[in-house]
N, C-alpha and C. Protein backbone atom coordinates (compact mmCIF):
# COMPACT_ATOMS: atom_id res chain seq x y z
N MET A 1 1.74 -4.23 13.27
CA MET A 1 0.79 -3.28 12.72
C MET A 1 -0.14 -4.00 11.75
N LYS A 2 -1.41 -3.86 11.95
CA LYS A 2 -2.41 -4.43 11.05
C LYS A 2 -2.73 -3.39 9.98
N VAL A 3 -2.56 -3.80 8.72
CA VAL A 3 -2.81 -2.91 7.60
C VAL A 3 -4.26 -3.05 7.16
N ASN A 4 -4.95 -1.92 6.90
CA ASN A 4 -6.32 -1.95 6.40
C ASN A 4 -6.45 -0.94 5.27
N GLN A 5 -7.63 -0.81 4.72
CA GLN A 5 -7.85 0.06 3.57
C GLN A 5 -7.56 1.53 3.86
N ASP A 6 -7.56 1.91 5.12
CA ASP A 6 -7.28 3.30 5.50
C ASP A 6 -5.82 3.55 5.84
N SER A 7 -4.99 2.51 5.76
CA SER A 7 -3.56 2.68 6.02
C SER A 7 -2.94 3.51 4.89
N THR A 8 -2.07 4.42 5.26
CA THR A 8 -1.43 5.25 4.24
C THR A 8 -0.24 4.49 3.63
N LEU A 9 0.16 4.93 2.45
CA LEU A 9 1.33 4.31 1.83
C LEU A 9 2.57 4.53 2.70
N GLU A 10 2.65 5.65 3.36
CA GLU A 10 3.77 5.92 4.26
C GLU A 10 3.83 4.87 5.36
N GLU A 11 2.69 4.55 5.96
CA GLU A 11 2.64 3.53 7.01
C GLU A 11 3.03 2.17 6.45
N ILE A 12 2.53 1.84 5.28
CA ILE A 12 2.81 0.54 4.68
C ILE A 12 4.28 0.40 4.34
N LEU A 13 4.90 1.47 3.89
CA LEU A 13 6.32 1.41 3.54
C LEU A 13 7.21 1.21 4.76
N LYS A 14 6.69 1.46 5.95
CA LYS A 14 7.42 1.17 7.19
C LYS A 14 7.33 -0.31 7.55
N HIS A 15 6.36 -1.00 6.96
CA HIS A 15 6.17 -2.45 7.17
C HIS A 15 7.35 -3.18 6.55
N PRO A 16 7.86 -4.23 7.21
CA PRO A 16 9.03 -4.94 6.68
C PRO A 16 8.89 -5.41 5.23
N GLU A 17 7.70 -5.81 4.82
CA GLU A 17 7.48 -6.29 3.46
C GLU A 17 6.70 -5.30 2.60
N GLY A 18 6.48 -4.11 3.12
CA GLY A 18 5.63 -3.13 2.46
C GLY A 18 6.01 -2.81 1.03
N ARG A 19 7.25 -2.41 0.81
CA ARG A 19 7.68 -2.01 -0.53
C ARG A 19 7.58 -3.18 -1.50
N ARG A 20 7.99 -4.37 -1.06
CA ARG A 20 7.95 -5.54 -1.94
C ARG A 20 6.52 -5.88 -2.35
N VAL A 21 5.61 -5.88 -1.39
CA VAL A 21 4.21 -6.22 -1.68
C VAL A 21 3.58 -5.17 -2.59
N LEU A 22 3.79 -3.91 -2.31
CA LEU A 22 3.21 -2.86 -3.15
C LEU A 22 3.75 -2.96 -4.58
N ALA A 23 5.03 -3.22 -4.72
CA ALA A 23 5.63 -3.36 -6.05
C ALA A 23 5.09 -4.60 -6.75
N LYS A 24 4.92 -5.68 -6.02
CA LYS A 24 4.40 -6.93 -6.59
C LYS A 24 3.03 -6.72 -7.23
N TYR A 25 2.19 -5.93 -6.59
CA TYR A 25 0.83 -5.71 -7.08
C TYR A 25 0.72 -4.48 -7.99
N GLY A 26 1.84 -3.89 -8.33
CA GLY A 26 1.85 -2.81 -9.31
C GLY A 26 1.35 -1.47 -8.82
N VAL A 27 1.51 -1.18 -7.54
CA VAL A 27 1.10 0.13 -7.04
C VAL A 27 2.01 1.17 -7.70
N PRO A 28 1.44 2.03 -8.55
CA PRO A 28 2.25 2.96 -9.34
C PRO A 28 2.84 4.11 -8.53
N CYS A 29 2.34 4.35 -7.36
CA CYS A 29 2.75 5.51 -6.58
C CYS A 29 4.19 5.42 -6.08
N LEU A 30 4.78 4.25 -6.08
CA LEU A 30 6.13 4.10 -5.55
C LEU A 30 7.15 4.88 -6.34
N GLY A 31 6.94 5.02 -7.63
CA GLY A 31 7.89 5.74 -8.46
C GLY A 31 7.41 7.10 -8.91
N CYS A 32 6.27 7.52 -8.44
CA CYS A 32 5.68 8.79 -8.88
C CYS A 32 6.22 9.96 -8.04
N ALA A 33 6.77 10.94 -8.71
CA ALA A 33 7.33 12.10 -8.02
C ALA A 33 6.26 12.85 -7.22
N MET A 34 5.07 12.97 -7.77
CA MET A 34 3.99 13.67 -7.06
C MET A 34 3.57 12.91 -5.81
N ALA A 35 3.53 11.58 -5.90
CA ALA A 35 3.10 10.77 -4.76
C ALA A 35 4.07 10.93 -3.59
N SER A 36 5.35 11.14 -3.88
CA SER A 36 6.32 11.28 -2.80
C SER A 36 5.99 12.47 -1.89
N MET A 37 5.30 13.45 -2.44
CA MET A 37 4.91 14.61 -1.64
C MET A 37 3.60 14.36 -0.90
N GLU A 38 2.85 13.35 -1.32
CA GLU A 38 1.54 13.07 -0.74
C GLU A 38 1.47 11.72 -0.04
N ILE A 39 2.57 11.01 0.05
CA ILE A 39 2.56 9.62 0.49
C ILE A 39 1.96 9.46 1.90
N GLN A 40 2.07 10.49 2.73
CA GLN A 40 1.52 10.38 4.08
C GLN A 40 -0.01 10.48 4.08
N TYR A 41 -0.60 10.92 2.95
CA TYR A 41 -2.05 11.06 2.87
C TYR A 41 -2.72 10.00 2.00
N LEU A 42 -1.96 9.37 1.11
CA LEU A 42 -2.54 8.40 0.17
C LEU A 42 -2.88 7.10 0.90
N LYS A 43 -4.16 6.74 0.88
CA LYS A 43 -4.62 5.51 1.53
C LYS A 43 -4.61 4.38 0.52
N ILE A 44 -4.20 3.19 0.97
CA ILE A 44 -4.09 2.06 0.06
C ILE A 44 -5.44 1.70 -0.55
N GLY A 45 -6.52 1.87 0.18
CA GLY A 45 -7.85 1.58 -0.37
C GLY A 45 -8.18 2.48 -1.54
N ASP A 46 -7.86 3.76 -1.43
CA ASP A 46 -8.12 4.72 -2.51
C ASP A 46 -7.24 4.44 -3.72
N VAL A 47 -5.97 4.15 -3.47
CA VAL A 47 -5.03 3.86 -4.55
C VAL A 47 -5.46 2.59 -5.30
N ALA A 48 -5.83 1.56 -4.55
CA ALA A 48 -6.26 0.30 -5.17
C ALA A 48 -7.50 0.51 -6.03
N GLN A 49 -8.44 1.28 -5.54
CA GLN A 49 -9.66 1.53 -6.30
C GLN A 49 -9.36 2.33 -7.57
N LYS A 50 -8.54 3.35 -7.45
CA LYS A 50 -8.23 4.20 -8.60
C LYS A 50 -7.52 3.43 -9.71
N TYR A 51 -6.64 2.49 -9.33
CA TYR A 51 -5.85 1.78 -10.32
C TYR A 51 -6.32 0.35 -10.58
N GLY A 52 -7.47 -0.03 -10.01
CA GLY A 52 -8.02 -1.35 -10.24
C GLY A 52 -7.19 -2.48 -9.67
N LEU A 53 -6.57 -2.25 -8.52
CA LEU A 53 -5.73 -3.26 -7.88
C LEU A 53 -6.56 -4.11 -6.92
N ASP A 54 -6.10 -5.32 -6.66
CA ASP A 54 -6.81 -6.24 -5.78
C ASP A 54 -6.47 -5.93 -4.32
N LEU A 55 -7.26 -5.09 -3.71
CA LEU A 55 -7.02 -4.64 -2.34
C LEU A 55 -7.00 -5.82 -1.36
N GLU A 56 -7.93 -6.74 -1.53
CA GLU A 56 -8.00 -7.89 -0.61
C GLU A 56 -6.69 -8.68 -0.59
N LYS A 57 -6.13 -8.93 -1.76
CA LYS A 57 -4.88 -9.69 -1.83
C LYS A 57 -3.71 -8.90 -1.24
N ILE A 58 -3.69 -7.61 -1.51
CA ILE A 58 -2.62 -6.77 -0.96
C ILE A 58 -2.68 -6.79 0.56
N LEU A 59 -3.86 -6.57 1.11
CA LEU A 59 -4.01 -6.55 2.58
C LEU A 59 -3.70 -7.91 3.18
N GLU A 60 -4.16 -8.97 2.53
CA GLU A 60 -3.90 -10.33 3.03
C GLU A 60 -2.40 -10.59 3.11
N GLU A 61 -1.69 -10.24 2.07
CA GLU A 61 -0.25 -10.49 2.06
C GLU A 61 0.48 -9.62 3.09
N LEU A 62 0.10 -8.38 3.22
CA LEU A 62 0.75 -7.50 4.19
C LEU A 62 0.46 -7.94 5.63
N ASN A 63 -0.69 -8.53 5.85
CA ASN A 63 -1.09 -8.90 7.22
C ASN A 63 -0.81 -10.35 7.58
N GLN A 64 -0.29 -11.14 6.66
CA GLN A 64 -0.11 -12.56 6.95
C GLN A 64 0.81 -12.80 8.14
N ASP A 65 1.79 -11.96 8.37
CA ASP A 65 2.69 -12.14 9.50
C ASP A 65 2.13 -11.53 10.79
N ALA A 66 1.13 -10.68 10.66
CA ALA A 66 0.57 -10.00 11.83
C ALA A 66 -0.38 -10.87 12.62
N GLU A 67 -0.82 -11.97 12.04
CA GLU A 67 -1.83 -12.79 12.70
C GLU A 67 -1.22 -13.78 13.67
């Protein structure tokens, strides 16, 4: 699976390294009770923009094994 800015957190968490990479970059939604109800709708691009995270690095790391 190729991860892009429109991938949802739910999709990314199915990725073998998804949880580790998101935690590494400080994605706050992993521990948020409200996010657990919306995780299928939250897109990594939107989350990264809202929290000032480096989307390019997150996507690069998640996709390094997909190439």
